């Protein structure tokens, strides 16, 4: 019984270790998948810079946490002019 428990603990530890090493890569894949919308909202340079910061493990997490606390983005969205009102 003790051997079975040790084997299961060892296997569980290996799985958890492998998953913890893959978490930064999962975040990078999500950030790269979102680059299109970031470029549309922020422009080419702003969207690329925002995505590059998000891809870097640790830096992206800190940036997103600070943006959540501040309530706004560090890199602003590009300005979209409002259309002129039509006469009714």
C-alpha atoms as a PDB file:
ATOM      1  CA  UNK A   1       0.000   0.000   0.000  1.00  0.00           C
ATOM      2  CA  UNK A   2       2.806   2.436   0.860  1.00  0.00           C
ATOM      3  CA  UNK A   3       4.567   1.767  -2.438  1.00  0.00           C
ATOM      4  CA  UNK A   4       1.385   2.526  -4.401  1.00  0.00           C
ATOM      5  CA  UNK A   5       0.959   5.809  -2.525  1.00  0.00           C
ATOM      6  CA  UNK A   6       4.573   6.801  -3.156  1.00  0.00           C
ATOM      7  CA  UNK A   7       4.222   6.038  -6.851  1.00  0.00           C
ATOM      8  CA  UNK A   8       1.033   8.109  -7.092  1.00  0.00           C
ATOM      9  CA  UNK A   9       2.652  11.027  -5.238  1.00  0.00           C
ATOM     10  CA  UNK A  10       5.672  10.858  -7.530  1.00  0.00           C
ATOM     11  CA  UNK A  11       3.477  10.791 -10.645  1.00  0.00           C
ATOM     12  CA  UNK A  12       1.333  13.659  -9.346  1.00  0.00           C
ATOM     13  CA  UNK A  13       4.462  15.721  -8.638  1.00  0.00           C
ATOM     14  CA  UNK A  14       5.776  15.107 -12.157  1.00  0.00           C
ATOM     15  CA  UNK A  15       2.474  16.148 -13.736  1.00  0.00           C
ATOM     16  CA  UNK A  16       2.229  19.307 -11.622  1.00  0.00           C
ATOM     17  CA  UNK A  17       5.836  20.227 -12.402  1.00  0.00           C
ATOM     18  CA  UNK A  18       5.282  19.737 -16.128  1.00  0.00           C
ATOM     19  CA  UNK A  19       2.082  21.819 -16.078  1.00  0.00           C
ATOM     20  CA  UNK A  20       3.727  24.620 -14.105  1.00  0.00           C
ATOM     21  CA  UNK A  21       6.504  24.817 -16.688  1.00  0.00           C
ATOM     22  CA  UNK A  22       4.009  25.035 -19.556  1.00  0.00           C
ATOM     23  CA  UNK A  23       1.860  27.836 -18.069  1.00  0.00           C
ATOM     24  CA  UNK A  24       4.049  30.694 -19.422  1.00  0.00           C
ATOM     25  CA  UNK A  25       3.928  29.146 -22.883  1.00  0.00           C
ATOM     26  CA  UNK A  26       0.142  28.930 -22.754  1.00  0.00           C
ATOM     27  CA  UNK A  27       0.017  32.649 -21.944  1.00  0.00           C
ATOM     28  CA  UNK A  28       2.323  33.404 -24.857  1.00  0.00           C
ATOM     29  CA  UNK A  29       0.109  31.447 -27.248  1.00  0.00           C
ATOM     30  CA  UNK A  30      -2.972  33.348 -26.050  1.00  0.00           C
ATOM     31  CA  UNK A  31      -1.176  36.687 -26.460  1.00  0.00           C
ATOM     32  CA  UNK A  32      -0.058  35.811 -29.984  1.00  0.00           C
ATOM     33  CA  UNK A  33      -3.586  34.738 -30.867  1.00  0.00           C
ATOM     34  CA  UNK A  34      -4.839  38.168 -29.738  1.00  0.00           C
ATOM     35  CA  UNK A  35      -2.288  40.214 -31.718  1.00  0.00           C
ATOM     36  CA  UNK A  36      -4.769  40.926 -34.507  1.00  0.00           C
ATOM     37  CA  UNK A  37      -7.283  42.639 -32.254  1.00  0.00           C
ATOM     38  CA  UNK A  38      -4.521  44.525 -30.415  1.00  0.00           C
ATOM     39  CA  UNK A  39      -3.153  45.895 -33.703  1.00  0.00           C
ATOM     40  CA  UNK A  40      -6.641  46.935 -34.819  1.00  0.00           C
ATOM     41  CA  UNK A  41      -7.314  48.748 -31.522  1.00  0.00           C
ATOM     42  CA  UNK A  42      -3.885  50.265 -30.857  1.00  0.00           C
ATOM     43  CA  UNK A  43      -2.295  50.584 -34.293  1.00  0.00           C
ATOM     44  CA  UNK A  44       0.668  48.630 -35.621  1.00  0.00           C
ATOM     45  CA  UNK A  45       3.350  49.883 -33.230  1.00  0.00           C
ATOM     46  CA  UNK A  46       1.143  50.037 -30.120  1.00  0.00           C
ATOM     47  CA  UNK A  47      -0.444  46.645 -30.767  1.00  0.00           C
ATOM     48  CA  UNK A  48       2.905  44.984 -31.436  1.00  0.00           C
ATOM     49  CA  UNK A  49       4.442  46.534 -28.303  1.00  0.00           C
ATOM     50  CA  UNK A  50       1.444  45.566 -26.162  1.00  0.00           C
ATOM     51  CA  UNK A  51       1.560  41.981 -27.423  1.00  0.00           C
ATOM     52  CA  UNK A  52       5.348  41.779 -27.018  1.00  0.00           C
ATOM     53  CA  UNK A  53       5.020  42.777 -23.362  1.00  0.00           C
ATOM     54  CA  UNK A  54       2.197  40.281 -22.838  1.00  0.00           C
ATOM     55  CA  UNK A  55       4.223  37.426 -24.357  1.00  0.00           C
ATOM     56  CA  UNK A  56       7.142  37.803 -21.918  1.00  0.00           C
ATOM     57  CA  UNK A  57       6.440  35.599 -18.868  1.00  0.00           C
ATOM     58  CA  UNK A  58       6.281  37.623 -15.676  1.00  0.00           C
ATOM     59  CA  UNK A  59       6.366  40.991 -17.456  1.00  0.00           C
ATOM     60  CA  UNK A  60       2.984  40.358 -19.056  1.00  0.00           C
ATOM     61  CA  UNK A  61       1.469  39.269 -15.760  1.00  0.00           C
ATOM     62  CA  UNK A  62       2.763  42.357 -13.946  1.00  0.00           C
ATOM     63  CA  UNK A  63       1.623  44.638 -16.798  1.00  0.00           C
ATOM     64  CA  UNK A  64      -1.869  43.153 -16.814  1.00  0.00           C
ATOM     65  CA  UNK A  65      -2.140  43.347 -13.023  1.00  0.00           C
ATOM     66  CA  UNK A  66      -1.097  47.010 -13.039  1.00  0.00           C
ATOM     67  CA  UNK A  67      -3.570  47.761 -15.831  1.00  0.00           C
ATOM     68  CA  UNK A  68      -6.334  46.060 -13.861  1.00  0.00           C
ATOM     69  CA  UNK A  69      -5.515  48.095 -10.754  1.00  0.00           C
ATOM     70  CA  UNK A  70      -5.283  51.378 -12.717  1.00  0.00           C
ATOM     71  CA  UNK A  71      -8.400  50.603 -14.723  1.00  0.00           C
ATOM     72  CA  UNK A  72      -6.865  51.583 -18.068  1.00  0.00           C
ATOM     73  CA  UNK A  73      -4.200  50.462 -20.528  1.00  0.00           C
ATOM     74  CA  UNK A  74      -0.597  51.672 -20.513  1.00  0.00           C
ATOM     75  CA  UNK A  75      -0.682  51.811 -24.311  1.00  0.00           C
ATOM     76  CA  UNK A  76      -3.731  53.795 -25.361  1.00  0.00           C
ATOM     77  CA  UNK A  77      -6.068  52.778 -28.157  1.00  0.00           C
ATOM     78  CA  UNK A  78      -5.796  54.814 -31.325  1.00  0.00           C
ATOM     79  CA  UNK A  79      -8.237  57.675 -31.661  1.00  0.00           C
ATOM     80  CA  UNK A  80     -11.186  57.084 -33.942  1.00  0.00           C
ATOM     81  CA  UNK A  81     -12.874  60.269 -35.137  1.00  0.00           C
ATOM     82  CA  UNK A  82     -16.605  60.375 -34.609  1.00  0.00           C
ATOM     83  CA  UNK A  83     -18.628  60.613 -37.805  1.00  0.00           C
ATOM     84  CA  UNK A  84     -20.345  63.943 -38.451  1.00  0.00           C
ATOM     85  CA  UNK A  85     -24.020  63.896 -37.469  1.00  0.00           C
ATOM     86  CA  UNK A  86     -26.424  63.674 -40.368  1.00  0.00           C
ATOM     87  CA  UNK A  87     -29.231  66.176 -40.751  1.00  0.00           C
ATOM     88  CA  UNK A  88     -32.560  64.505 -40.250  1.00  0.00           C
END
